[in-house]
Protein backbone atom coordinates (compact mmCIF):
# COMPACT_ATOMS: atom_id res chain seq x y z
CA UNK A 1 0.00 0.00 0.00
CA UNK A 2 1.40 3.38 -1.00
CA UNK A 3 0.77 5.75 1.93
CA UNK A 4 -0.64 9.24 1.41
CA UNK A 5 2.44 10.72 3.07
CA UNK A 6 5.60 9.65 4.83
CA UNK A 7 8.58 11.46 6.35
CA UNK A 8 12.00 11.16 4.73
CA UNK A 9 14.47 10.64 7.57
CA UNK A 10 17.80 8.87 7.89
CA UNK A 11 21.26 8.78 9.38
CA UNK A 12 21.68 12.58 9.27
CA UNK A 13 18.81 13.08 11.70
CA UNK A 14 20.14 10.35 13.98
CA UNK A 15 23.58 11.97 14.02
CA UNK A 16 22.14 15.34 15.06
CA UNK A 17 20.07 13.70 17.81
CA UNK A 18 23.18 11.84 19.02
CA UNK A 19 24.94 15.19 19.48
CA UNK A 20 22.11 16.28 21.76
CA UNK A 21 22.27 13.00 23.70
CA UNK A 22 25.99 13.52 24.17
CA UNK A 23 25.38 16.91 25.81
CA UNK A 24 22.88 15.42 28.26
CA UNK A 25 20.61 18.45 27.70
CA UNK A 26 17.42 17.21 26.04
CA UNK A 27 14.97 20.06 26.72
CA UNK A 28 14.91 23.69 25.65
CA UNK A 29 18.44 24.85 25.04
CA UNK A 30 21.11 25.83 22.57
CA UNK A 31 20.03 23.42 19.82
CA UNK A 32 16.57 25.00 19.79
CA UNK A 33 18.12 28.45 19.37
CA UNK A 34 20.35 27.12 16.59
CA UNK A 35 17.27 25.77 14.83
CA UNK A 36 15.43 29.07 15.29
CA UNK A 37 18.34 30.97 13.78
CA UNK A 38 18.54 28.55 10.84
CA UNK A 39 14.80 28.92 10.14
CA UNK A 40 15.04 32.70 10.53
CA UNK A 41 17.87 32.84 7.99
CA UNK A 42 16.04 30.52 5.56
CA UNK A 43 12.82 32.53 5.69
CA UNK A 44 14.35 35.97 5.96
CA UNK A 45 12.20 36.55 9.05
CA UNK A 46 12.96 39.00 11.86
CA UNK A 47 11.87 36.74 14.73
CA UNK A 48 11.31 32.98 14.87
CA UNK A 49 10.17 31.22 18.04
CA UNK A 50 10.16 27.41 18.04
CA UNK A 51 7.36 25.59 19.88
CA UNK A 52 6.31 21.98 20.31
CA UNK A 53 3.53 21.76 17.67
CA UNK A 54 1.91 23.76 14.90
CA UNK A 55 -1.26 23.87 16.98
CA UNK A 56 0.49 25.52 19.91
CA UNK A 57 2.07 27.99 17.47
CA UNK A 58 -1.41 29.14 16.44
CA UNK A 59 -2.70 29.23 20.01
CA UNK A 60 0.22 31.19 21.42
CA UNK A 61 0.10 33.66 18.50
CA UNK A 62 -3.60 34.36 19.04
CA UNK A 63 -3.00 34.73 22.77
CA UNK A 64 -0.01 37.04 22.37
CA UNK A 65 -1.95 39.30 20.02
CA UNK A 66 -4.67 39.68 22.65
CA UNK A 67 -7.44 37.49 21.23
CA UNK A 68 -9.70 36.72 24.14
CA UNK A 69 -13.21 35.71 25.19
CA UNK A 70 -15.91 37.06 22.88
CA UNK A 71 -13.53 38.17 20.13
CA UNK A 72 -14.33 36.85 16.66
CA UNK A 73 -11.84 35.24 14.27
CA UNK A 74 -12.61 34.62 10.61
CA UNK A 75 -11.33 31.22 9.46
CA UNK A 76 -12.11 28.91 6.52
CA UNK A 77 -14.16 25.91 7.54
CA UNK A 78 -12.07 23.68 5.26
CA UNK A 79 -9.00 23.18 7.44
CA UNK A 80 -7.76 20.80 10.11
CA UNK A 81 -9.78 21.08 13.32
CA UNK A 82 -6.69 22.40 15.15
CA UNK A 83 -7.19 25.78 13.47
CA UNK A 84 -10.61 26.05 15.12
CA UNK A 85 -9.71 24.46 18.45
CA UNK A 86 -7.12 27.15 19.18
CA UNK A 87 -9.79 29.82 18.71
CA UNK A 88 -12.35 28.15 20.98
CA UNK A 89 -9.62 27.37 23.57
CA UNK A 90 -9.35 31.13 24.12
CA UNK A 91 -13.17 31.36 24.32
CA UNK A 92 -13.11 33.37 21.12
CA UNK A 93 -15.65 32.78 18.37
CA UNK A 94 -14.79 31.22 15.00
CA UNK A 95 -16.56 32.88 12.08
CA UNK A 96 -16.51 30.37 9.26
CA UNK A 97 -16.09 31.51 5.66
CA UNK A 98 -15.94 30.02 2.19
CA UNK A 99 -12.97 28.86 0.13
CA UNK A 100 -12.14 29.36 -3.52
CA UNK A 101 -13.04 26.02 -5.16
CA UNK A 102 -10.06 26.21 -7.55
CA UNK A 103 -7.38 26.66 -4.87
CA UNK A 104 -9.18 25.79 -1.59
CA UNK A 105 -7.70 28.98 -0.13
CA UNK A 106 -9.80 31.56 1.69
CA UNK A 107 -12.40 33.30 -0.51
CA UNK A 108 -11.55 37.00 -0.24
CA UNK A 109 -14.97 38.20 -1.44
CA UNK A 110 -16.82 36.03 1.09
CA UNK A 111 -14.35 37.12 3.77
CA UNK A 112 -15.13 40.79 3.18
CA UNK A 113 -18.85 40.15 3.75
CA UNK A 114 -18.15 38.70 7.21
CA UNK A 115 -16.15 41.60 8.63
CA UNK A 116 -17.79 43.35 11.60
CA UNK A 117 -16.43 45.42 14.50
CA UNK A 118 -16.19 42.19 16.53
CA UNK A 119 -13.64 40.64 14.16
CA UNK A 120 -10.21 40.86 15.78
CA UNK A 121 -8.25 38.39 13.64
CA UNK A 122 -8.31 36.54 10.32
CA UNK A 123 -6.69 33.12 10.00
CA UNK A 124 -6.03 32.24 6.35
CA UNK A 125 -4.82 28.72 5.51
CA UNK A 126 -2.16 28.35 2.80
CA UNK A 127 -3.80 25.20 1.46
CA UNK A 128 -1.55 22.41 0.09
CA UNK A 129 1.30 24.95 0.22
CA UNK A 130 -0.27 27.41 -2.25
CA UNK A 131 -0.11 30.93 -0.83
CA UNK A 132 -3.31 32.91 -0.24
CA UNK A 133 -3.83 36.38 -1.72
CA UNK A 134 -1.69 38.09 0.89
CA UNK A 135 -1.91 41.55 -0.71
CA UNK A 136 -5.68 41.53 -0.27
CA UNK A 137 -5.50 40.07 3.23
CA UNK A 138 -2.93 42.58 4.46
CA UNK A 139 -4.94 45.46 3.00
CA UNK A 140 -8.05 44.22 4.81
CA UNK A 141 -6.10 43.87 8.03
CA UNK A 142 -4.68 47.37 7.77
CA UNK A 143 -8.00 49.02 6.86
CA UNK A 144 -9.95 47.32 9.66
CA UNK A 145 -7.24 47.04 12.34
CA UNK A 146 -7.41 43.22 12.19
CA UNK A 147 -4.39 41.01 12.80
CA UNK A 148 -3.69 38.41 10.08
CA UNK A 149 -2.51 35.18 11.69
CA UNK A 150 -1.38 32.90 8.86
CA UNK A 151 -1.81 29.16 9.31
CA UNK A 152 1.15 28.06 7.19
CA UNK A 153 1.24 24.47 8.45
CA UNK A 154 1.18 23.35 4.79
CA UNK A 155 3.47 26.05 3.44
CA UNK A 156 6.96 25.97 4.91
CA UNK A 157 9.26 27.01 2.07
CA UNK A 158 6.52 28.44 -0.15
CA UNK A 159 6.67 32.02 -1.43
CA UNK A 160 4.30 34.82 -2.39
CA UNK A 161 5.46 37.19 -5.12
CA UNK A 162 9.07 36.33 -4.48
CA UNK A 163 8.92 36.60 -0.67
CA UNK A 164 8.99 33.55 1.60
CA UNK A 165 5.83 32.92 3.59
CA UNK A 166 6.83 33.99 7.10
CA UNK A 167 9.13 36.81 6.01
CA UNK A 168 6.39 39.45 5.91
CA UNK A 169 2.90 40.02 7.27
CA UNK A 170 1.74 40.14 10.88
CA UNK A 171 2.48 36.62 12.12
CA UNK A 172 2.93 33.22 10.48
CA UNK A 173 2.61 29.82 12.15
CA UNK A 174 4.33 26.67 10.87
CA UNK A 175 4.07 22.97 11.67
CA UNK A 176 6.94 20.49 11.66
CA UNK A 177 4.99 17.33 12.44
CA UNK A 178 6.08 13.99 10.88
CA UNK A 179 4.53 14.57 7.44
CA UNK A 180 5.14 18.28 6.84
CA UNK A 181 7.59 19.73 4.29
CA UNK A 182 10.29 19.35 6.93
CA UNK A 183 9.80 17.55 10.23
CA UNK A 184 11.12 17.87 13.76
CA UNK A 185 9.28 14.68 14.74
CA UNK A 186 6.86 17.10 16.36
CA UNK A 187 7.22 20.86 16.38
CA UNK A 188 6.13 24.25 15.18
CA UNK A 189 7.29 27.84 14.93
CA UNK A 190 5.97 31.38 14.99
CA UNK A 191 7.54 33.96 12.66
CA UNK A 192 6.84 37.68 13.08
CA UNK A 193 8.42 41.12 12.89
CA UNK A 194 7.05 42.76 16.05
CA UNK A 195 9.83 42.48 18.63
CA UNK A 196 7.57 43.15 21.63
CA UNK A 197 5.06 40.46 20.68
CA UNK A 198 7.93 38.09 19.90
CA UNK A 199 9.29 38.55 23.43
CA UNK A 200 5.82 37.91 24.83
CA UNK A 201 5.62 34.66 22.85
CA UNK A 202 9.06 33.60 24.09
CA UNK A 203 7.88 34.04 27.68
CA UNK A 204 4.52 32.38 27.06
CA UNK A 205 6.05 29.25 25.54
CA UNK A 206 7.84 28.47 28.82
CA UNK A 207 5.11 29.12 31.40
CA UNK A 208 5.41 32.90 31.34
CA UNK A 209 8.95 32.86 32.68
CA UNK A 210 11.10 35.85 31.77
CA UNK A 211 14.07 34.53 29.80
CA UNK A 212 16.44 37.06 31.35
CA UNK A 213 16.10 35.31 34.68
CA UNK A 214 15.90 31.78 33.34
CA UNK A 215 19.47 30.53 33.08
CA UNK A 216 18.28 27.23 31.72
CA UNK A 217 18.38 29.01 28.36
CA UNK A 218 22.18 28.75 28.61
CA UNK A 219 22.02 25.05 29.50
CA UNK A 220 22.69 26.01 33.12
CA UNK A 221 20.25 25.41 35.95
CA UNK A 222 19.34 28.13 38.38
CA UNK A 223 16.90 28.27 41.26
CA UNK A 224 15.73 31.80 40.47
CA UNK A 225 13.06 32.76 37.94
CA UNK A 226 10.26 35.31 37.45
CA UNK A 227 6.81 34.59 36.00
CA UNK A 228 5.66 37.72 34.18
CA UNK A 229 2.68 36.62 32.05
CA UNK A 230 0.18 33.83 31.42
CA UNK A 231 2.17 31.02 29.87
CA UNK A 232 2.12 27.41 28.69
CA UNK A 233 4.51 24.51 28.41
CA UNK A 234 4.86 24.91 24.65
CA UNK A 235 8.63 25.03 24.11
CA UNK A 236 10.47 22.82 21.62
CA UNK A 237 13.07 20.34 22.88
CA UNK A 238 16.68 20.08 21.75
CA UNK A 239 15.89 16.58 20.42
CA UNK A 240 13.18 17.86 18.09
CA UNK A 241 15.28 20.84 17.05
CA UNK A 242 18.15 18.51 16.14
CA UNK A 243 15.91 16.59 13.75
CA UNK A 244 14.74 19.87 12.25
CA UNK A 245 18.31 21.07 11.67
CA UNK A 246 19.10 17.96 9.65
CA UNK A 247 15.86 18.27 7.70
CA UNK A 248 16.42 21.93 6.89
CA UNK A 249 19.65 21.02 5.10
CA UNK A 250 17.63 18.77 2.78
CA UNK A 251 14.76 21.10 1.97
CA UNK A 252 15.98 22.10 -1.48
CA UNK A 253 15.99 18.48 -2.68
CA UNK A 254 12.62 17.88 -1.00
CA UNK A 255 11.17 20.85 -2.86
CA UNK A 256 12.55 19.84 -6.25
CA UNK A 257 11.21 16.29 -5.98
CA UNK A 258 7.75 17.21 -4.70
CA UNK A 259 7.29 19.87 -7.39
CA UNK A 260 8.23 17.27 -9.99
CA UNK A 261 5.65 14.82 -8.62
CA UNK A 262 2.90 17.47 -8.70
CA UNK A 263 3.79 18.43 -12.29
CA UNK A 264 3.75 14.76 -13.33
CA UNK A 265 0.39 14.19 -11.66
CA UNK A 266 -1.11 17.28 -13.27
CA UNK A 267 0.04 16.17 -16.70
CA UNK A 268 -1.23 12.63 -16.13
CA UNK A 269 -4.67 13.84 -15.04
CA UNK A 270 -4.97 16.88 -17.34
CA UNK A 271 -7.53 15.51 -19.82
CA UNK A 272 -9.23 13.08 -17.49
CA UNK A 273 -12.97 13.69 -17.23
CA UNK A 274 -14.55 13.14 -13.84
CA UNK A 275 -11.95 14.96 -11.76
CA UNK A 276 -10.85 18.54 -11.31
CA UNK A 277 -7.25 19.52 -10.64
CA UNK A 278 -6.51 22.40 -8.27
CA UNK A 279 -4.72 25.51 -9.53
CA UNK A 280 -1.03 25.37 -8.59
CA UNK A 281 1.60 28.09 -8.55
CA UNK A 282 4.46 25.76 -9.49
CA UNK A 283 7.21 28.38 -9.23
CA UNK A 284 6.44 29.51 -5.67
CA UNK A 285 4.65 26.62 -3.99
CA UNK A 286 6.30 23.89 -1.95
CA UNK A 287 3.63 21.16 -2.20
CA UNK A 288 2.48 19.61 1.06
CA UNK A 289 -0.33 17.39 -0.19
CA UNK A 290 -1.72 16.59 -3.63
CA UNK A 291 -5.45 16.83 -3.92
CA UNK A 292 -8.02 16.34 -6.67
CA UNK A 293 -11.76 16.92 -6.69
CA UNK A 294 -13.71 13.81 -7.70
CA UNK A 295 -16.90 14.91 -9.45
CA UNK A 296 -20.40 13.39 -9.79
CA UNK A 297 -20.50 11.96 -6.26
CA UNK A 298 -17.94 9.24 -7.00
CA UNK A 299 -15.30 9.98 -4.34
CA UNK A 300 -16.20 7.09 -2.06
CA UNK A 301 -16.26 4.70 -4.99
CA UNK A 302 -12.84 5.94 -6.14
CA UNK A 303 -11.37 5.64 -2.65
CA UNK A 304 -12.48 2.00 -2.44
CA UNK A 305 -11.11 1.27 -5.91
CA UNK A 306 -7.72 2.85 -5.23
CA UNK A 307 -7.37 1.20 -1.83
CA UNK A 308 -7.99 -2.19 -3.45
CA UNK A 309 -5.28 -1.35 -5.97
CA UNK A 310 -2.85 -0.48 -3.19
CA UNK A 311 -2.98 3.30 -3.43
CA UNK A 312 -3.61 5.04 -0.12
CA UNK A 313 -6.01 7.99 -0.08
CA UNK A 314 -7.26 10.57 2.40
CA UNK A 315 -9.63 13.49 2.85
CA UNK A 316 -8.13 16.83 3.96
CA UNK A 317 -10.45 17.87 5.51
CA UNK A 318 -14.01 17.43 6.78
CA UNK A 319 -15.47 20.98 6.94
CA UNK A 320 -15.43 22.13 10.54
CA UNK A 321 -18.80 23.90 10.48
CA UNK A 322 -20.30 20.41 10.09
CA UNK A 323 -18.50 19.01 13.16
CA UNK A 324 -20.63 18.42 16.29
CA UNK A 325 -18.42 20.45 18.65
CA UNK A 326 -18.48 23.51 16.39
CA UNK A 327 -22.24 23.36 15.70
CA UNK A 328 -22.96 26.55 17.74
CA UNK A 329 -20.85 28.50 15.21
CA UNK A 330 -22.16 26.76 12.10
CA UNK A 331 -23.41 28.67 9.05
CA UNK A 332 -24.36 27.48 5.55
CA UNK A 333 -21.30 27.30 3.29
CA UNK A 334 -22.47 25.71 0.03
CA UNK A 335 -19.13 25.86 -1.80
CA UNK A 336 -17.20 24.41 1.12
CA UNK A 337 -19.82 21.70 1.57
CA UNK A 338 -19.60 20.76 -2.11
CA UNK A 339 -15.82 20.56 -2.28
CA UNK A 340 -15.82 18.81 1.08
CA UNK A 341 -17.68 15.95 -0.60
CA UNK A 342 -15.27 15.89 -3.57
CA UNK A 343 -11.71 16.36 -2.31
CA UNK A 344 -9.43 13.34 -2.35
CA UNK A 345 -5.77 13.30 -1.30
CA UNK A 346 -3.32 11.12 -3.26
CA UNK A 347 0.19 9.99 -2.25
CA UNK A 348 2.87 12.70 -2.22
CA UNK A 349 6.19 12.34 -0.43
CA UNK A 350 9.88 12.68 -1.23
CA UNK A 351 10.77 8.97 -1.33
CA UNK A 352 8.20 8.07 -4.01
CA UNK A 353 9.85 6.32 -6.98
CA UNK A 354 9.07 6.93 -10.65
CA UNK A 355 7.19 3.63 -10.63
CA UNK A 356 5.15 4.72 -7.60
CA UNK A 357 4.12 7.96 -9.30
CA UNK A 358 3.18 6.22 -12.53
CA UNK A 359 1.27 3.56 -10.59
CA UNK A 360 -0.87 6.23 -8.90
CA UNK A 361 -1.61 7.92 -12.24
CA UNK A 362 -2.53 4.67 -13.99
CA UNK A 363 -4.68 3.56 -11.04
CA UNK A 364 -6.68 6.81 -11.10
CA UNK A 365 -7.08 6.53 -14.88
CA UNK A 366 -8.16 2.89 -14.56
CA UNK A 367 -11.04 3.94 -12.31
CA UNK A 368 -12.63 5.78 -15.22
């Protein structure tokens, strides 16, 4: 069975982890700061703060920018439930909006209709790694005094008009879980330019402790510390950062291979009736997942067929406004509901062989 996704890890990651083991310092320490600096340099970002998951990156960013009980946050319904859970965890209110059916990114026109004085943040999702219309989003944010908190879990390495996602804008949140464009095993990061908010996030990720009095940051223990703000145990460990450092050195080859797979898929499916291919910006996107829309209500049938052939499939994602826990915030979203019944994720990962790629294409074609 070809899986939908799989990390590409090897001896380089083990060697970096061994270095951490040799130091005896496994938690937050110098390797985390080395990873942060490497990510900062790669992105061209002013501040990068590493945390333990992409979900905590979103939560801590919302919290640091003052999103609190009763505030409203516009977010596409078509995203992983983590994007919504971080909003409700702060007792804020998710305001669901539509997506563009050709990209699955946030629909700017629908977004504009949902702006009210209660909206304090907008959380666009860079779907599959394709960047949203950041010019429009940043203009909306500026005109309405709304912070744009980018969920870039899919988009590490992607660019928008020549600028890396995370190098501009208000704040960008990344995920480094096992199947992302690079992995730390588990991990995430927040990239932003505001130095004051960045310092607040640094304190919040380690239980609100002021780093200037926390000598553990220098791999030295001290009995004295000061708690200066509401915080969480969200910091990254040296072990996870070590894996990320090894992965970051490989990202250029990851990008080249995954772009090639997407181009090959698109060519193989181009004239195939019964499916719709998403619009891709091949020059600037680092693909995270490969998704098609299966038309005429045949997705379930295709999933069964492909699974029998040995091709793994997935659905990314079930629209959140249809989930039981988020029912109080639900609103009709006909486009999202339609594409939610059509989207199908096919295998995409670095270690796929030419035969694997061709097998997926021929299996999809065989269905029709």
